[in-house]
Every structure is written in C-alpha cells, then in structure tokens.
Amino acid sequence: MQFFNYKKGYSIHFKIFIDAVPTLKNQSNIMARYNGPKTKISRIFGEPILGNGKWLTKNSNPPGQHGASRKRKTLGEYAVQLKEKQKAKYTYGVLERQFRKTFEEAARLKGVTGENLIKLLEARLDNTVFRLGIAPSRPAARQLVSHKHVTVNGVVVNIPSYQLKPGDKIGMKPKSGDNSSLTSQIRGKNPKFNWLDWNEAEKQGAFITYPERESVPENIKEQLIVELYSK
C-alpha cells in the first residue's frame, strides 16, 4: 500500500505556486496593449477605430457566428457611457489603469475635464508620432517608440505614454533615420493637425500646443466618459 507524503506534497504544490507568480507578472507586462482582431473591434463599434475600415463596407454586422441575425440592442445609460470609454481606450491603445490615471490628471487641470482628457491623450508620444505621419498607425508608432527609434528634443525616449509639452521636438535618431525601411513609411503631417508642425527637410516635427477639441477628428463623446467616472 502506498501512502501519500503530505509534507512532500505540500512542498511540491507550494513550489508550483511560487514559480507561477513571476509568470503571471510577466504576462501582465506583456499584455500592455490589445493584440486581438482589429476588424472585430471595429464591427462592435460600427466604425473604423483601429485603422482601415474597408471590411466595414462588406460586413458591418456585429461580430460572432450569429452576428448577421442578431439585432443591436438598445443600450441603457451606463452601457452607452461604458461603450464610449471602451472606444476611447481602443482608439488610443490605452488600458484601464493608465486611462483612469489620465482621466484623473485631466480632472485636476483647469478647464473642461472631457476636453482635457482628449488633449492629454493627443499629447502622448506614440499618438503624436502617428499624427506627424512618421508611422502609418498608432500600433506602428508605439512599436517605433518602444524600439528606441524616436527622440524628443534630441534624447531617445522609449515610453509610448510619454506626455509631450508645447515646444517639444520629435524626430528619429540618426541611425534610424538612415534606415530606408523606416523612412519609407514617413508620409508627412496632415494639414488638419494645426497643433503640430513638420519639417520635411529635417524629418522632424514639433508639438506646438495642446489641440482644441474641434480640431481632433476622433468621434468620441468625452462627456459620457466624464459622467461614467463621476458615478
């Protein structure tokens, strides 16, 4: 007859639990942004918030096996507010903890909280790299910043959430500027973004000032987010 060694069994289980902790921590660090299907998210909100929306013209139904036969439900007040917050988070590539921190900072500033929130999200380094046309999308801009290709005032910054201040100069470090695979993606600033400046000869941009809400093209009802966090 074989007897179970409780002491040994406890030691084994305890070791497994301890070894698993760093793994969970590493996973939380790795999953710092959304890496799932982009078209699925766009179909949830009914608009191309994650880049190219060409598939929405072919299939604008909700995602899922029964998306075509399932009608969109009329959402309650809380659901509408929550959906608007989720839209803003997916648009700018921010997770809940960082988004709430940004909102709290916006609430401390003078002025309208919702407009301050949009200004702070637009002042993120990864978003500004995208707006300047250095990268074709926000995820691509985030990758450029994380891989130390981008400089702010001549210093390499690899923090996508870095908050720019009026007058900051954004460019690529010299070695990255000589990389044709990176420079070929630069398309230049859209003239609509009047809070930014772009020097085509030097391949360098400037964050002139915080944008006014009417200048930001994103279809986000920021007042609903304010109401949600005020509950």
C-alpha atoms as a PDB file:
ATOM      1  CA  MET A   1       0.000   0.000   0.000  1.00  0.00           C
ATOM      2  CA  GLN A   2       1.346   3.408  -0.974  1.00  0.00           C
ATOM      3  CA  PHE A   3       0.989   6.272   1.464  1.00  0.00           C
ATOM      4  CA  PHE A   4       0.792   9.890   0.431  1.00  0.00           C
ATOM      5  CA  ASN A   5       3.536  12.042   1.858  1.00  0.00           C
ATOM      6  CA  TYR A   6       1.660  15.189   2.947  1.00  0.00           C
ATOM      7  CA  LYS A   7       4.796  17.102   3.719  1.00  0.00           C
ATOM      8  CA  LYS A   8       6.299  16.367   0.335  1.00  0.00           C
ATOM      9  CA  GLY A   9       3.016  17.004  -1.441  1.00  0.00           C
ATOM     10  CA  TYR A  10       2.656  20.373   0.265  1.00  0.00           C
ATOM     11  CA  SER A  11       6.183  21.307  -0.716  1.00  0.00           C
ATOM     12  CA  ILE A  12       5.542  20.443  -4.353  1.00  0.00           C
ATOM     13  CA  HIS A  13       2.320  22.435  -4.541  1.00  0.00           C
ATOM     14  CA  PHE A  14       3.891  25.361  -2.748  1.00  0.00           C
ATOM     15  CA  LYS A  15       6.825  25.380  -5.183  1.00  0.00           C
ATOM     16  CA  ILE A  16       4.480  25.313  -8.174  1.00  0.00           C
ATOM     17  CA  PHE A  17       2.559  28.275  -6.771  1.00  0.00           C
ATOM     18  CA  ILE A  18       5.730  30.279  -6.133  1.00  0.00           C
ATOM     19  CA  ASP A  19       7.149  29.535  -9.598  1.00  0.00           C
ATOM     20  CA  ALA A  20       3.896  30.603 -11.209  1.00  0.00           C
ATOM     21  CA  VAL A  21       3.874  34.085  -9.703  1.00  0.00           C
ATOM     22  CA  PRO A  22       6.655  35.602 -11.887  1.00  0.00           C
ATOM     23  CA  THR A  23       4.984  34.102 -14.954  1.00  0.00           C
ATOM     24  CA  LEU A  24       1.728  35.866 -14.183  1.00  0.00           C
ATOM     25  CA  LYS A  25       3.576  39.114 -13.592  1.00  0.00           C
ATOM     26  CA  ASN A  26       5.402  38.759 -16.891  1.00  0.00           C
ATOM     27  CA  GLN A  27       2.125  38.095 -18.685  1.00  0.00           C
ATOM     28  CA  SER A  28       0.624  41.269 -17.253  1.00  0.00           C
ATOM     29  CA  ASN A  29       3.594  43.234 -18.582  1.00  0.00           C
ATOM     30  CA  ILE A  30       3.443  41.586 -21.997  1.00  0.00           C
ATOM     31  CA  MET A  31      -0.294  42.250 -22.401  1.00  0.00           C
ATOM     32  CA  ALA A  32       0.125  46.029 -22.203  1.00  0.00           C
ATOM     33  CA  ARG A  33      -1.986  46.637 -25.290  1.00  0.00           C
ATOM     34  CA  TYR A  34      -4.711  44.996 -27.386  1.00  0.00           C
ATOM     35  CA  ASN A  35      -3.344  42.439 -29.844  1.00  0.00           C
ATOM     36  CA  GLY A  36      -6.600  40.832 -30.975  1.00  0.00           C
ATOM     37  CA  PRO A  37      -8.609  41.112 -34.216  1.00  0.00           C
ATOM     38  CA  LYS A  38      -8.963  44.752 -35.271  1.00  0.00           C
ATOM     39  CA  THR A  39     -11.921  44.240 -37.574  1.00  0.00           C
ATOM     40  CA  LYS A  40     -13.865  42.610 -34.737  1.00  0.00           C
ATOM     41  CA  ILE A  41     -13.462  45.727 -32.584  1.00  0.00           C
ATOM     42  CA  SER A  42     -14.424  47.980 -35.487  1.00  0.00           C
ATOM     43  CA  ARG A  43     -17.589  45.935 -36.070  1.00  0.00           C
ATOM     44  CA  ILE A  44     -18.531  46.202 -32.379  1.00  0.00           C
ATOM     45  CA  PHE A  45     -18.495  49.993 -32.557  1.00  0.00           C
ATOM     46  CA  GLY A  46     -19.626  50.236 -36.175  1.00  0.00           C
ATOM     47  CA  GLU A  47     -16.730  52.495 -37.199  1.00  0.00           C
ATOM     48  CA  PRO A  48     -13.042  52.024 -38.139  1.00  0.00           C
ATOM     49  CA  ILE A  49     -11.441  52.966 -34.822  1.00  0.00           C
ATOM     50  CA  LEU A  50      -8.444  50.671 -35.344  1.00  0.00           C
ATOM     51  CA  GLY A  51      -7.213  51.716 -38.761  1.00  0.00           C
ATOM     52  CA  ASN A  52      -8.517  50.616 -42.151  1.00  0.00           C
ATOM     53  CA  GLY A  53     -12.298  50.216 -42.222  1.00  0.00           C
ATOM     54  CA  LYS A  54     -12.592  48.644 -45.674  1.00  0.00           C
ATOM     55  CA  TRP A  55     -14.160  45.491 -44.219  1.00  0.00           C
ATOM     56  CA  LEU A  56     -16.983  47.502 -42.647  1.00  0.00           C
ATOM     57  CA  THR A  57     -18.341  48.248 -46.105  1.00  0.00           C
ATOM     58  CA  LYS A  58     -18.585  44.499 -46.734  1.00  0.00           C
ATOM     59  CA  ASN A  59     -19.751  43.402 -43.294  1.00  0.00           C
ATOM     60  CA  SER A  60     -20.958  45.887 -40.712  1.00  0.00           C
ATOM     61  CA  ASN A  61     -22.820  43.289 -38.629  1.00  0.00           C
ATOM     62  CA  PRO A  62     -21.808  42.660 -35.006  1.00  0.00           C
ATOM     63  CA  PRO A  63     -19.039  40.033 -34.650  1.00  0.00           C
ATOM     64  CA  GLY A  64     -19.825  36.397 -33.931  1.00  0.00           C
ATOM     65  CA  GLN A  65     -21.430  33.405 -35.603  1.00  0.00           C
ATOM     66  CA  HIS A  66     -24.930  34.862 -35.315  1.00  0.00           C
ATOM     67  CA  GLY A  67     -23.948  38.493 -35.801  1.00  0.00           C
ATOM     68  CA  ALA A  68     -25.967  38.893 -39.008  1.00  0.00           C
ATOM     69  CA  SER A  69     -29.207  37.656 -37.412  1.00  0.00           C
ATOM     70  CA  ARG A  70     -28.703  39.362 -34.060  1.00  0.00           C
ATOM     71  CA  LYS A  71     -30.124  42.846 -33.782  1.00  0.00           C
ATOM     72  CA  ARG A  72     -28.218  45.513 -31.917  1.00  0.00           C
ATOM     73  CA  LYS A  73     -29.859  46.027 -28.549  1.00  0.00           C
ATOM     74  CA  THR A  74     -30.899  49.399 -27.246  1.00  0.00           C
ATOM     75  CA  LEU A  75     -28.314  50.177 -24.606  1.00  0.00           C
ATOM     76  CA  GLY A  76     -29.011  51.718 -21.245  1.00  0.00           C
ATOM     77  CA  GLU A  77     -27.342  54.869 -19.940  1.00  0.00           C
ATOM     78  CA  TYR A  78     -24.493  53.062 -18.176  1.00  0.00           C
ATOM     79  CA  ALA A  79     -23.844  50.781 -21.170  1.00  0.00           C
ATOM     80  CA  VAL A  80     -23.635  53.775 -23.531  1.00  0.00           C
ATOM     81  CA  GLN A  81     -21.153  55.529 -21.249  1.00  0.00           C
ATOM     82  CA  LEU A  82     -19.061  52.381 -20.829  1.00  0.00           C
ATOM     83  CA  LYS A  83     -19.009  51.763 -24.590  1.00  0.00           C
ATOM     84  CA  GLU A  84     -17.758  55.297 -25.189  1.00  0.00           C
ATOM     85  CA  LYS A  85     -14.931  54.784 -22.719  1.00  0.00           C
ATOM     86  CA  GLN A  86     -14.002  51.480 -24.391  1.00  0.00           C
ATOM     87  CA  LYS A  87     -13.975  53.221 -27.765  1.00  0.00           C
ATOM     88  CA  ALA A  88     -11.534  55.856 -26.478  1.00  0.00           C
ATOM     89  CA  LYS A  89      -9.292  53.195 -24.941  1.00  0.00           C
ATOM     90  CA  TYR A  90      -9.137  51.141 -28.147  1.00  0.00           C
ATOM     91  CA  THR A  91      -8.621  54.245 -30.281  1.00  0.00           C
ATOM     92  CA  TYR A  92      -5.572  55.444 -28.355  1.00  0.00           C
ATOM     93  CA  GLY A  93      -4.326  51.979 -27.326  1.00  0.00           C
ATOM     94  CA  VAL A  94      -4.597  52.552 -23.576  1.00  0.00           C
ATOM     95  CA  LEU A  95      -5.603  50.015 -20.918  1.00  0.00           C
ATOM     96  CA  GLU A  96      -7.896  50.765 -17.982  1.00  0.00           C
ATOM     97  CA  ARG A  97      -5.336  51.624 -15.307  1.00  0.00           C
ATOM     98  CA  GLN A  98      -3.469  54.096 -17.495  1.00  0.00           C
ATOM     99  CA  PHE A  99      -6.686  55.518 -18.902  1.00  0.00           C
ATOM    100  CA  ARG A 100      -8.074  56.219 -15.431  1.00  0.00           C
ATOM    101  CA  LYS A 101      -4.782  57.812 -14.416  1.00  0.00           C
ATOM    102  CA  THR A 102      -5.017  60.080 -17.461  1.00  0.00           C
ATOM    103  CA  PHE A 103      -8.608  60.958 -16.574  1.00  0.00           C
ATOM    104  CA  GLU A 104      -7.637  61.860 -13.002  1.00  0.00           C
ATOM    105  CA  GLU A 105      -4.896  64.117 -14.353  1.00  0.00           C
ATOM    106  CA  ALA A 106      -7.430  65.749 -16.705  1.00  0.00           C
ATOM    107  CA  ALA A 107      -9.799  66.348 -13.775  1.00  0.00           C
ATOM    108  CA  ARG A 108      -7.053  68.188 -11.861  1.00  0.00           C
ATOM    109  CA  LEU A 109      -6.373  70.606 -14.715  1.00  0.00           C
ATOM    110  CA  LYS A 110      -8.264  73.831 -15.237  1.00  0.00           C
ATOM    111  CA  GLY A 111     -10.987  73.799 -17.862  1.00  0.00           C
ATOM    112  CA  VAL A 112     -13.455  71.192 -19.107  1.00  0.00           C
ATOM    113  CA  THR A 113     -12.451  67.705 -17.916  1.00  0.00           C
ATOM    114  CA  GLY A 114     -13.559  65.922 -21.089  1.00  0.00           C
ATOM    115  CA  GLU A 115     -11.626  68.265 -23.355  1.00  0.00           C
ATOM    116  CA  ASN A 116      -8.577  67.995 -21.073  1.00  0.00           C
ATOM    117  CA  LEU A 117      -8.774  64.204 -21.388  1.00  0.00           C
ATOM    118  CA  ILE A 118      -8.641  64.378 -25.188  1.00  0.00           C
ATOM    119  CA  LYS A 119      -5.759  66.869 -25.028  1.00  0.00           C
ATOM    120  CA  LEU A 120      -3.705  64.557 -22.784  1.00  0.00           C
ATOM    121  CA  LEU A 121      -4.407  61.534 -24.989  1.00  0.00           C
ATOM    122  CA  GLU A 122      -3.376  63.508 -28.063  1.00  0.00           C
ATOM    123  CA  ALA A 123      -0.173  64.635 -26.302  1.00  0.00           C
ATOM    124  CA  ARG A 124       1.031  61.040 -25.885  1.00  0.00           C
ATOM    125  CA  LEU A 125       4.279  60.414 -27.746  1.00  0.00           C
ATOM    126  CA  ASP A 126       3.015  57.398 -29.701  1.00  0.00           C
ATOM    127  CA  ASN A 127      -0.081  59.299 -30.819  1.00  0.00           C
ATOM    128  CA  THR A 128       1.990  62.320 -31.889  1.00  0.00           C
ATOM    129  CA  VAL A 129       4.369  60.111 -33.891  1.00  0.00           C
ATOM    130  CA  PHE A 130       1.285  58.774 -35.693  1.00  0.00           C
ATOM    131  CA  ARG A 131      -0.183  62.260 -36.224  1.00  0.00           C
ATOM    132  CA  LEU A 132       3.104  63.532 -37.664  1.00  0.00           C
ATOM    133  CA  GLY A 133       3.000  60.766 -40.270  1.00  0.00           C
ATOM    134  CA  ILE A 134       6.190  59.087 -39.047  1.00  0.00           C
ATOM    135  CA  ALA A 135       4.229  55.838 -38.613  1.00  0.00           C
ATOM    136  CA  PRO A 136       1.155  54.642 -40.535  1.00  0.00           C
ATOM    137  CA  SER A 137      -0.840  53.708 -37.411  1.00  0.00           C
ATOM    138  CA  ARG A 138      -0.816  54.108 -33.642  1.00  0.00           C
ATOM    139  CA  PRO A 139       0.340  50.495 -33.032  1.00  0.00           C
ATOM    140  CA  ALA A 140       3.201  51.064 -35.503  1.00  0.00           C
ATOM    141  CA  ALA A 141       4.050  54.331 -33.754  1.00  0.00           C
ATOM    142  CA  ARG A 142       4.052  52.573 -30.396  1.00  0.00           C
ATOM    143  CA  GLN A 143       6.474  49.991 -31.767  1.00  0.00           C
ATOM    144  CA  LEU A 144       8.805  52.685 -33.130  1.00  0.00           C
ATOM    145  CA  VAL A 145       8.894  54.386 -29.743  1.00  0.00           C
ATOM    146  CA  SER A 146       9.344  51.134 -27.787  1.00  0.00           C
ATOM    147  CA  HIS A 147      12.258  50.092 -30.043  1.00  0.00           C
ATOM    148  CA  LYS A 148      14.083  53.365 -29.352  1.00  0.00           C
ATOM    149  CA  HIS A 149      13.814  54.883 -32.820  1.00  0.00           C
ATOM    150  CA  VAL A 150      12.206  58.157 -31.676  1.00  0.00           C
ATOM    151  CA  THR A 151      13.798  61.158 -29.995  1.00  0.00           C
ATOM    152  CA  VAL A 152      12.287  64.056 -28.060  1.00  0.00           C
ATOM    153  CA  ASN A 153      14.458  67.178 -28.035  1.00  0.00           C
ATOM    154  CA  GLY A 154      17.386  65.051 -29.246  1.00  0.00           C
ATOM    155  CA  VAL A 155      17.069  62.425 -26.485  1.00  0.00           C
ATOM    156  CA  VAL A 156      15.820  58.887 -27.171  1.00  0.00           C
ATOM    157  CA  VAL A 157      12.510  58.200 -25.405  1.00  0.00           C
ATOM    158  CA  ASN A 158      11.057  54.670 -25.432  1.00  0.00           C
ATOM    159  CA  ILE A 159       7.911  55.325 -23.378  1.00  0.00           C
ATOM    160  CA  PRO A 160       4.806  55.428 -25.633  1.00  0.00           C
ATOM    161  CA  SER A 161       2.740  57.216 -22.957  1.00  0.00           C
ATOM    162  CA  TYR A 162       5.332  59.993 -22.545  1.00  0.00           C
ATOM    163  CA  GLN A 163       3.475  63.314 -22.259  1.00  0.00           C
ATOM    164  CA  LEU A 164       4.752  65.968 -24.640  1.00  0.00           C
ATOM    165  CA  LYS A 165       4.865  69.639 -23.730  1.00  0.00           C
ATOM    166  CA  PRO A 166       4.394  72.597 -26.099  1.00  0.00           C
ATOM    167  CA  GLY A 167       7.665  73.275 -27.907  1.00  0.00           C
ATOM    168  CA  ASP A 168       8.972  69.676 -27.822  1.00  0.00           C
ATOM    169  CA  LYS A 169      10.767  68.481 -30.970  1.00  0.00           C
ATOM    170  CA  ILE A 170      10.083  64.950 -32.202  1.00  0.00           C
ATOM    171  CA  GLY A 171      12.299  63.106 -34.657  1.00  0.00           C
ATOM    172  CA  MET A 172      14.165  59.888 -35.324  1.00  0.00           C
ATOM    173  CA  LYS A 173      17.618  59.116 -34.019  1.00  0.00           C
ATOM    174  CA  PRO A 174      20.361  59.374 -36.686  1.00  0.00           C
ATOM    175  CA  LYS A 175      20.870  55.639 -37.102  1.00  0.00           C
ATOM    176  CA  SER A 176      17.124  55.056 -37.533  1.00  0.00           C
ATOM    177  CA  GLY A 177      16.918  57.976 -39.968  1.00  0.00           C
ATOM    178  CA  ASP A 178      19.351  56.152 -42.258  1.00  0.00           C
ATOM    179  CA  ASN A 179      17.162  53.037 -42.267  1.00  0.00           C
ATOM    180  CA  SER A 180      15.216  53.092 -45.547  1.00  0.00           C
ATOM    181  CA  SER A 181      12.635  50.577 -44.277  1.00  0.00           C
ATOM    182  CA  LEU A 182      11.663  53.084 -41.556  1.00  0.00           C
ATOM    183  CA  THR A 183      11.934  56.323 -43.518  1.00  0.00           C
ATOM    184  CA  SER A 184       9.909  54.901 -46.409  1.00  0.00           C
ATOM    185  CA  GLN A 185       6.854  54.854 -44.128  1.00  0.00           C
ATOM    186  CA  ILE A 186       7.061  58.586 -43.363  1.00  0.00           C
ATOM    187  CA  ARG A 187       4.226  60.341 -45.178  1.00  0.00           C
ATOM    188  CA  GLY A 188       4.263  63.769 -43.517  1.00  0.00           C
ATOM    189  CA  LYS A 189       1.749  65.605 -41.346  1.00  0.00           C
ATOM    190  CA  ASN A 190      -1.870  66.095 -42.300  1.00  0.00           C
ATOM    191  CA  PRO A 191      -2.508  69.871 -42.644  1.00  0.00           C
ATOM    192  CA  LYS A 192      -5.630  69.495 -40.449  1.00  0.00           C
ATOM    193  CA  PHE A 193      -3.480  68.880 -37.374  1.00  0.00           C
ATOM    194  CA  ASN A 194      -2.649  72.524 -36.729  1.00  0.00           C
ATOM    195  CA  TRP A 195      -1.239  71.870 -33.254  1.00  0.00           C
ATOM    196  CA  LEU A 196       1.742  70.119 -34.857  1.00  0.00           C
ATOM    197  CA  ASP A 197       4.482  71.259 -37.205  1.00  0.00           C
ATOM    198  CA  TRP A 198       6.539  69.151 -39.624  1.00  0.00           C
ATOM    199  CA  ASN A 199       9.890  69.993 -41.222  1.00  0.00           C
ATOM    200  CA  GLU A 200      10.158  67.814 -44.319  1.00  0.00           C
ATOM    201  CA  ALA A 201      13.833  68.653 -44.943  1.00  0.00           C
ATOM    202  CA  GLU A 202      14.950  67.655 -41.436  1.00  0.00           C
ATOM    203  CA  LYS A 203      12.297  64.946 -40.990  1.00  0.00           C
ATOM    204  CA  GLN A 204      11.460  66.476 -37.646  1.00  0.00           C
ATOM    205  CA  GLY A 205       8.182  67.520 -36.055  1.00  0.00           C
ATOM    206  CA  ALA A 206       7.177  69.849 -33.254  1.00  0.00           C
ATOM    207  CA  PHE A 207       4.377  69.733 -30.703  1.00  0.00           C
ATOM    208  CA  ILE A 208       3.285  73.378 -30.842  1.00  0.00           C
ATOM    209  CA  THR A 209       0.385  73.370 -28.401  1.00  0.00           C
ATOM    210  CA  TYR A 210      -2.404  71.221 -26.998  1.00  0.00           C
ATOM    211  CA  PRO A 211      -5.153  70.767 -29.605  1.00  0.00           C
ATOM    212  CA  GLU A 212      -8.608  72.273 -29.365  1.00  0.00           C
ATOM    213  CA  ARG A 213     -11.373  69.677 -29.229  1.00  0.00           C
ATOM    214  CA  GLU A 214     -12.876  70.682 -32.580  1.00  0.00           C
ATOM    215  CA  SER A 215      -9.506  70.047 -34.265  1.00  0.00           C
ATOM    216  CA  VAL A 216      -9.339  66.393 -33.148  1.00  0.00           C
ATOM    217  CA  PRO A 217     -11.137  64.186 -35.727  1.00  0.00           C
ATOM    218  CA  GLU A 218     -11.885  61.233 -33.406  1.00  0.00           C
ATOM    219  CA  ASN A 219     -15.601  60.538 -32.943  1.00  0.00           C
ATOM    220  CA  ILE A 220     -15.524  60.303 -29.141  1.00  0.00           C
ATOM    221  CA  LYS A 221     -18.200  61.751 -26.859  1.00  0.00           C
ATOM    222  CA  GLU A 222     -15.898  62.554 -23.959  1.00  0.00           C
ATOM    223  CA  GLN A 223     -18.712  63.938 -21.789  1.00  0.00           C
ATOM    224  CA  LEU A 224     -20.139  60.415 -21.491  1.00  0.00           C
ATOM    225  CA  ILE A 225     -16.774  59.253 -20.107  1.00  0.00           C
ATOM    226  CA  VAL A 226     -16.829  62.060 -17.542  1.00  0.00           C
ATOM    227  CA  GLU A 227     -20.337  61.053 -16.478  1.00  0.00           C
ATOM    228  CA  LEU A 228     -19.228  57.409 -16.164  1.00  0.00           C
ATOM    229  CA  TYR A 229     -16.296  58.194 -13.877  1.00  0.00           C
ATOM    230  CA  SER A 230     -18.465  60.596 -11.854  1.00  0.00           C
ATOM    231  CA  LYS A 231     -20.802  57.817 -10.703  1.00  0.00           C
END
